[in-house]
């Protein structure tokens, strides 16, 4: 199996797990961890896209880590009772 395929599999599976976790809204600690998982998924997609010479999709995916970092920041600043 090529490295690009391994990265793509990780990015897919971790993105799905993160999406289900966020959709279930389990609380602040799990939300932050899910956004962190989304962040690694997004960064992995960018690396895999550039390695596979799919530059247009890689450039499109560059905004996803920014959105995920914003989610982490937002949930970490939220008071403990507001989730």
C-alpha atoms as a PDB file:
ATOM      1  CA  UNK A   1       0.000   0.000   0.000  1.00  0.00           C
ATOM      2  CA  UNK A   2       1.369   3.404  -0.964  1.00  0.00           C
ATOM      3  CA  UNK A   3       1.953   6.137   1.609  1.00  0.00           C
ATOM      4  CA  UNK A   4      -0.636   8.364  -0.099  1.00  0.00           C
ATOM      5  CA  UNK A   5      -3.276   5.652   0.306  1.00  0.00           C
ATOM      6  CA  UNK A   6      -2.407   5.137   3.976  1.00  0.00           C
ATOM      7  CA  UNK A   7      -2.655   8.885   4.595  1.00  0.00           C
ATOM      8  CA  UNK A   8      -5.975   9.020   2.747  1.00  0.00           C
ATOM      9  CA  UNK A   9      -7.365   6.129   4.803  1.00  0.00           C
ATOM     10  CA  UNK A  10      -6.291   7.778   8.060  1.00  0.00           C
ATOM     11  CA  UNK A  11      -7.756  11.117   6.995  1.00  0.00           C
ATOM     12  CA  UNK A  12     -11.064   9.503   6.026  1.00  0.00           C
ATOM     13  CA  UNK A  13     -11.492   7.366   9.133  1.00  0.00           C
ATOM     14  CA  UNK A  14     -10.386  10.078  11.559  1.00  0.00           C
ATOM     15  CA  UNK A  15     -12.689  12.605   9.873  1.00  0.00           C
ATOM     16  CA  UNK A  16     -15.649  10.237  10.197  1.00  0.00           C
ATOM     17  CA  UNK A  17     -14.912   9.526  13.868  1.00  0.00           C
ATOM     18  CA  UNK A  18     -14.542  13.242  14.587  1.00  0.00           C
ATOM     19  CA  UNK A  19     -17.792  14.053  12.767  1.00  0.00           C
ATOM     20  CA  UNK A  20     -19.755  11.459  14.754  1.00  0.00           C
ATOM     21  CA  UNK A  21     -18.225  12.693  18.000  1.00  0.00           C
ATOM     22  CA  UNK A  22     -19.103  16.313  17.288  1.00  0.00           C
ATOM     23  CA  UNK A  23     -22.597  15.356  16.109  1.00  0.00           C
ATOM     24  CA  UNK A  24     -23.261  13.573  19.395  1.00  0.00           C
ATOM     25  CA  UNK A  25     -22.191  16.679  21.395  1.00  0.00           C
ATOM     26  CA  UNK A  26     -20.687  14.689  24.279  1.00  0.00           C
ATOM     27  CA  UNK A  27     -19.318  17.647  26.238  1.00  0.00           C
ATOM     28  CA  UNK A  28     -16.485  20.112  26.102  1.00  0.00           C
ATOM     29  CA  UNK A  29     -13.574  17.719  26.680  1.00  0.00           C
ATOM     30  CA  UNK A  30     -14.697  15.333  23.924  1.00  0.00           C
ATOM     31  CA  UNK A  31     -15.577  18.224  21.601  1.00  0.00           C
ATOM     32  CA  UNK A  32     -12.064  19.633  21.871  1.00  0.00           C
ATOM     33  CA  UNK A  33     -10.567  16.182  21.231  1.00  0.00           C
ATOM     34  CA  UNK A  34     -12.863  15.685  18.214  1.00  0.00           C
ATOM     35  CA  UNK A  35     -11.836  19.051  16.754  1.00  0.00           C
ATOM     36  CA  UNK A  36      -8.204  18.034  17.349  1.00  0.00           C
ATOM     37  CA  UNK A  37      -8.865  14.816  15.441  1.00  0.00           C
ATOM     38  CA  UNK A  38     -10.498  16.844  12.660  1.00  0.00           C
ATOM     39  CA  UNK A  39      -7.408  19.049  12.633  1.00  0.00           C
ATOM     40  CA  UNK A  40      -5.087  16.062  12.091  1.00  0.00           C
ATOM     41  CA  UNK A  41      -7.479  14.732   9.444  1.00  0.00           C
ATOM     42  CA  UNK A  42      -7.434  18.038   7.567  1.00  0.00           C
ATOM     43  CA  UNK A  43      -3.668  18.353   7.691  1.00  0.00           C
ATOM     44  CA  UNK A  44      -3.293  14.754   6.529  1.00  0.00           C
ATOM     45  CA  UNK A  45      -5.597  15.405   3.566  1.00  0.00           C
ATOM     46  CA  UNK A  46      -3.462  18.386   2.553  1.00  0.00           C
ATOM     47  CA  UNK A  47      -0.253  16.344   2.670  1.00  0.00           C
ATOM     48  CA  UNK A  48      -1.835  13.439   0.770  1.00  0.00           C
ATOM     49  CA  UNK A  49      -3.272  15.775  -1.876  1.00  0.00           C
ATOM     50  CA  UNK A  50       0.067  17.475  -2.505  1.00  0.00           C
ATOM     51  CA  UNK A  51       1.861  14.084  -2.585  1.00  0.00           C
ATOM     52  CA  UNK A  52      -0.668  12.870  -5.160  1.00  0.00           C
ATOM     53  CA  UNK A  53      -0.337  16.122  -7.177  1.00  0.00           C
ATOM     54  CA  UNK A  54      -3.955  17.117  -6.581  1.00  0.00           C
ATOM     55  CA  UNK A  55      -2.959  20.691  -5.807  1.00  0.00           C
ATOM     56  CA  UNK A  56      -6.382  22.262  -6.374  1.00  0.00           C
ATOM     57  CA  UNK A  57      -8.001  20.077  -3.724  1.00  0.00           C
ATOM     58  CA  UNK A  58      -5.066  20.589  -1.364  1.00  0.00           C
ATOM     59  CA  UNK A  59      -5.450  24.348  -1.665  1.00  0.00           C
ATOM     60  CA  UNK A  60      -9.198  24.026  -1.070  1.00  0.00           C
ATOM     61  CA  UNK A  61      -8.504  21.935   2.044  1.00  0.00           C
ATOM     62  CA  UNK A  62      -6.160  24.531   3.533  1.00  0.00           C
ATOM     63  CA  UNK A  63      -9.132  26.350   5.098  1.00  0.00           C
ATOM     64  CA  UNK A  64     -10.217  23.266   7.079  1.00  0.00           C
ATOM     65  CA  UNK A  65      -7.395  23.390   9.671  1.00  0.00           C
ATOM     66  CA  UNK A  66      -8.259  27.047  10.280  1.00  0.00           C
ATOM     67  CA  UNK A  67     -11.905  26.160  10.924  1.00  0.00           C
ATOM     68  CA  UNK A  68     -10.902  23.257  13.180  1.00  0.00           C
ATOM     69  CA  UNK A  69      -8.440  25.394  15.134  1.00  0.00           C
ATOM     70  CA  UNK A  70     -11.230  27.948  15.623  1.00  0.00           C
ATOM     71  CA  UNK A  71     -13.468  25.153  16.959  1.00  0.00           C
ATOM     72  CA  UNK A  72     -10.784  24.074  19.430  1.00  0.00           C
ATOM     73  CA  UNK A  73     -10.242  27.668  20.561  1.00  0.00           C
ATOM     74  CA  UNK A  74     -13.980  28.299  20.912  1.00  0.00           C
ATOM     75  CA  UNK A  75     -14.711  25.152  22.919  1.00  0.00           C
ATOM     76  CA  UNK A  76     -11.689  25.615  25.192  1.00  0.00           C
ATOM     77  CA  UNK A  77     -12.801  29.154  26.073  1.00  0.00           C
ATOM     78  CA  UNK A  78     -16.412  28.178  26.721  1.00  0.00           C
ATOM     79  CA  UNK A  79     -17.359  28.170  30.420  1.00  0.00           C
ATOM     80  CA  UNK A  80     -17.708  24.675  31.883  1.00  0.00           C
ATOM     81  CA  UNK A  81     -21.524  24.719  32.080  1.00  0.00           C
ATOM     82  CA  UNK A  82     -22.138  26.028  28.521  1.00  0.00           C
ATOM     83  CA  UNK A  83     -21.876  23.109  26.158  1.00  0.00           C
END
